[in-house]
N, C-alpha and C. Protein backbone atom coordinates (compact mmCIF):
# COMPACT_ATOMS: atom_id res chain seq x y z
N UNK A 1 0.86 -1.09 -0.03
CA UNK A 1 0.06 -0.08 0.06
C UNK A 1 0.94 1.34 -0.04
N UNK A 2 0.72 2.13 -1.07
CA UNK A 2 1.63 3.31 -0.91
C UNK A 2 0.84 4.50 -0.24
N UNK A 3 1.73 5.52 0.05
CA UNK A 3 1.08 6.69 0.58
C UNK A 3 -0.12 7.48 0.05
N UNK A 4 -1.00 7.93 0.75
CA UNK A 4 -2.18 8.55 0.29
C UNK A 4 -1.60 9.81 -0.30
N UNK A 5 -2.65 10.71 -0.96
CA UNK A 5 -2.10 11.94 -1.39
C UNK A 5 -1.81 12.78 -0.13
N UNK A 6 -2.57 12.73 0.83
CA UNK A 6 -2.28 13.57 2.10
C UNK A 6 -1.14 13.27 2.79
N UNK A 7 -0.66 12.10 2.69
CA UNK A 7 0.78 11.60 3.31
C UNK A 7 1.88 11.89 2.48
N UNK A 8 1.72 12.01 1.19
CA UNK A 8 3.00 12.44 0.47
C UNK A 8 3.18 13.91 0.51
N UNK A 9 4.07 14.24 1.57
CA UNK A 9 4.25 15.75 1.86
C UNK A 9 5.70 16.37 1.74
N UNK A 10 5.82 17.67 2.00
CA UNK A 10 7.19 18.20 1.99
C UNK A 10 7.27 18.85 3.37
N UNK A 11 8.16 18.68 4.13
CA UNK A 11 8.66 19.29 5.27
C UNK A 11 9.92 19.99 5.42
N UNK A 12 9.79 21.44 5.60
CA UNK A 12 11.09 22.28 5.69
C UNK A 12 11.26 22.64 6.95
N UNK A 13 12.38 22.33 7.59
CA UNK A 13 12.83 22.63 8.79
C UNK A 13 13.94 23.81 8.69
N UNK A 14 13.53 24.92 9.36
CA UNK A 14 14.55 26.11 9.20
C UNK A 14 14.59 26.47 10.68
N UNK A 15 15.83 26.95 11.20
CA UNK A 15 15.90 27.76 12.60
C UNK A 15 17.04 28.81 12.53
N UNK A 16 17.03 29.35 13.59
CA UNK A 16 17.99 30.60 13.46
C UNK A 16 19.32 30.29 13.96
N UNK A 17 19.57 29.17 14.35
CA UNK A 17 20.75 28.60 14.72
C UNK A 17 21.64 28.03 13.67
N UNK A 18 20.91 27.52 12.68
CA UNK A 18 21.85 27.09 11.56
C UNK A 18 21.64 27.63 10.12
N UNK A 19 22.73 27.41 9.34
CA UNK A 19 22.65 28.15 8.00
C UNK A 19 22.00 27.32 7.02
N UNK A 20 21.46 26.15 7.46
CA UNK A 20 21.01 25.09 6.38
C UNK A 20 19.62 24.61 6.77
N UNK A 21 18.80 24.44 5.60
CA UNK A 21 17.33 24.06 5.84
C UNK A 21 17.39 22.56 5.64
N UNK A 22 16.66 21.81 6.43
CA UNK A 22 16.37 20.34 6.24
C UNK A 22 15.10 20.11 5.72
N UNK A 23 15.08 19.19 4.51
CA UNK A 23 13.91 18.80 3.87
C UNK A 23 13.72 17.57 3.79
N UNK A 24 12.33 17.08 4.30
CA UNK A 24 11.96 15.63 4.05
C UNK A 24 10.92 15.97 3.16
N UNK A 25 10.90 14.97 2.05
CA UNK A 25 9.79 15.06 1.10
C UNK A 25 9.52 13.63 0.59
N UNK A 26 8.17 13.42 0.39
CA UNK A 26 7.60 12.19 -0.17
C UNK A 26 6.94 12.46 -1.31
N UNK A 27 7.41 13.66 -2.08
CA UNK A 27 6.65 13.93 -3.27
C UNK A 27 7.89 13.97 -4.37
N UNK A 28 7.58 13.05 -5.40
CA UNK A 28 8.49 12.49 -6.39
C UNK A 28 9.02 13.80 -7.16
N UNK A 29 8.23 14.90 -7.59
CA UNK A 29 8.52 16.00 -8.32
C UNK A 29 9.72 16.80 -7.48
N UNK A 30 9.40 17.01 -6.20
CA UNK A 30 10.11 17.74 -5.23
C UNK A 30 11.65 17.18 -5.01
N UNK A 31 11.58 15.66 -4.99
CA UNK A 31 12.80 14.89 -4.95
C UNK A 31 13.66 15.28 -6.40
N UNK A 32 12.96 15.03 -7.53
CA UNK A 32 13.61 15.21 -8.70
C UNK A 32 14.17 16.66 -8.77
N UNK A 33 13.50 17.80 -8.34
CA UNK A 33 13.93 18.94 -8.47
C UNK A 33 15.16 19.37 -7.56
N UNK A 34 15.05 18.76 -6.47
CA UNK A 34 16.25 18.92 -5.37
C UNK A 34 17.49 18.13 -5.86
N UNK A 35 17.32 17.03 -6.47
CA UNK A 35 18.47 16.19 -7.10
C UNK A 35 19.14 16.93 -7.96
N UNK A 36 18.37 17.75 -8.77
CA UNK A 36 19.00 18.65 -9.80
C UNK A 36 19.50 19.70 -9.32
N UNK A 37 19.22 20.16 -8.39
CA UNK A 37 19.79 21.48 -7.79
C UNK A 37 21.25 21.15 -7.05
N UNK A 38 22.37 21.79 -7.49
CA UNK A 38 23.58 21.51 -7.08
C UNK A 38 23.92 22.16 -5.82
N UNK A 39 23.19 22.91 -5.17
CA UNK A 39 23.07 23.45 -3.88
C UNK A 39 22.66 22.45 -2.73
N UNK A 40 21.83 21.63 -3.29
CA UNK A 40 21.06 20.61 -2.31
C UNK A 40 21.78 19.41 -2.10
N UNK A 41 21.90 18.89 -1.02
CA UNK A 41 22.86 17.58 -0.61
C UNK A 41 21.84 16.41 -0.13
N UNK A 42 21.78 15.46 -0.83
CA UNK A 42 21.01 14.31 -0.48
C UNK A 42 21.41 13.81 0.68
N UNK A 43 20.69 13.46 1.75
CA UNK A 43 21.06 13.09 2.91
C UNK A 43 20.70 11.53 3.08
N UNK A 44 19.77 11.14 2.77
CA UNK A 44 18.95 9.81 2.82
C UNK A 44 17.74 9.75 1.78
N UNK A 45 17.75 8.51 1.30
CA UNK A 45 16.68 8.36 0.34
C UNK A 45 16.13 6.69 0.56
N UNK A 46 15.05 6.72 0.73
CA UNK A 46 14.35 5.37 0.86
C UNK A 46 12.93 5.36 0.38
N UNK A 47 12.31 4.04 0.76
CA UNK A 47 10.75 3.95 0.43
C UNK A 47 9.93 3.66 1.59
N UNK A 48 8.84 3.81 1.57
CA UNK A 48 7.79 3.64 2.56
C UNK A 48 6.66 3.00 2.06
N UNK A 49 6.34 1.74 2.37
CA UNK A 49 5.35 1.18 1.79
C UNK A 49 4.98 1.39 0.24
N UNK A 50 6.45 1.36 -0.53
CA UNK A 50 6.25 1.36 -1.91
C UNK A 50 6.27 3.06 -2.39
N UNK A 51 6.37 3.97 -1.59
CA UNK A 51 6.46 5.25 -1.99
C UNK A 51 7.85 5.80 -1.59
N UNK A 52 8.50 6.70 -2.43
CA UNK A 52 9.79 6.96 -2.31
C UNK A 52 9.81 8.24 -1.37
N UNK A 53 10.80 8.62 -0.78
CA UNK A 53 10.92 9.65 0.21
C UNK A 53 12.53 9.87 0.08
N UNK A 54 12.69 11.20 0.59
CA UNK A 54 14.12 11.57 0.60
C UNK A 54 14.55 12.79 1.63
N UNK A 55 15.49 12.78 2.30
CA UNK A 55 15.93 13.93 3.11
C UNK A 55 17.23 14.46 2.53
N UNK A 56 17.08 15.80 2.32
CA UNK A 56 18.02 16.98 1.96
C UNK A 56 18.47 18.02 2.83
N UNK A 57 19.66 18.71 2.47
CA UNK A 57 20.03 19.81 3.10
C UNK A 57 20.18 20.80 2.04
N UNK A 58 19.89 22.06 2.32
CA UNK A 58 19.95 23.06 1.42
C UNK A 58 20.40 24.36 2.29
N UNK A 59 21.21 25.38 1.69
CA UNK A 59 21.64 26.61 2.26
C UNK A 59 20.33 27.16 2.51
N UNK A 60 20.12 27.72 3.74
CA UNK A 60 19.06 28.39 4.04
C UNK A 60 18.75 29.57 3.29
N UNK A 61 20.05 30.29 2.92
CA UNK A 61 19.93 31.52 2.17
C UNK A 61 19.19 31.34 0.73
N UNK A 62 19.22 30.15 0.27
CA UNK A 62 18.47 29.96 -1.06
C UNK A 62 16.99 29.71 -0.76
N UNK A 63 16.42 29.69 0.45
CA UNK A 63 15.08 29.31 0.59
C UNK A 63 14.37 30.68 1.21
N UNK A 64 13.14 30.88 0.61
CA UNK A 64 12.57 31.93 1.36
C UNK A 64 11.09 31.30 1.26
N UNK A 65 10.18 31.53 2.12
CA UNK A 65 8.86 31.15 2.13
C UNK A 65 8.04 31.69 0.96
N UNK A 66 8.44 32.89 0.68
CA UNK A 66 7.34 33.46 -0.61
C UNK A 66 7.92 32.87 -1.78
N UNK A 67 9.20 32.55 -2.17
CA UNK A 67 9.78 32.35 -3.34
C UNK A 67 10.07 30.95 -3.38
N UNK A 68 10.23 30.16 -2.55
CA UNK A 68 10.24 28.75 -2.66
C UNK A 68 11.97 28.45 -3.14
N UNK A 69 12.10 27.54 -3.79
CA UNK A 69 13.78 27.16 -3.93
C UNK A 69 14.26 27.93 -5.10
N UNK A 70 15.36 28.38 -4.88
CA UNK A 70 16.11 29.16 -5.89
C UNK A 70 17.30 28.47 -6.33
N UNK A 71 17.60 28.48 -7.48
CA UNK A 71 19.01 27.72 -7.81
C UNK A 71 20.13 28.68 -7.60
N UNK A 72 21.33 28.46 -7.39
CA UNK A 72 22.50 29.33 -6.91
C UNK A 72 22.44 30.53 -8.00
N UNK A 73 22.49 30.23 -9.14
CA UNK A 73 22.50 31.18 -10.38
C UNK A 73 21.16 31.78 -10.40
N UNK A 74 20.33 32.25 -9.47
CA UNK A 74 18.93 32.79 -9.72
C UNK A 74 18.71 33.83 -10.47
N UNK A 75 17.91 33.81 -11.52
CA UNK A 75 17.67 35.01 -12.50
C UNK A 75 16.19 34.84 -12.55
N UNK A 76 15.50 36.28 -12.25
CA UNK A 76 14.00 36.28 -12.43
C UNK A 76 13.58 35.94 -13.88
N UNK A 77 12.36 35.11 -13.80
CA UNK A 77 11.64 34.73 -15.06
C UNK A 77 11.64 35.70 -16.07
N UNK A 78 11.36 37.02 -15.62
CA UNK A 78 11.23 38.21 -16.47
C UNK A 78 12.50 38.42 -17.33
N UNK A 79 13.67 38.38 -16.74
CA UNK A 79 14.92 38.67 -17.24
C UNK A 79 15.38 37.57 -18.23
N UNK A 80 14.83 36.32 -17.92
CA UNK A 80 15.30 35.37 -18.97
C UNK A 80 14.29 35.27 -20.16
N UNK A 81 13.05 36.11 -20.16
CA UNK A 81 12.24 36.04 -21.29
C UNK A 81 12.83 37.26 -22.29
N UNK A 82 13.52 38.12 -22.00
CA UNK A 82 14.17 39.22 -22.80
C UNK A 82 14.99 38.71 -24.09
């Protein structure tokens, strides 16, 4: 039995004491995106009842709650379309 849609979640843990964000996800698109991000470090990957999951570390400076994940060479979408 795989995880339900409600159980396939992404949890981001940030605190003021550390310069990294800890990310747990059971969402395959988020895992793929983080694996492609050179700033993200895969800590652990596994399965739970047939569903994939992974733990990552990412520099907290690259993560904001309003903008989401930004690759190191962040360029606004408007600038790319010019």
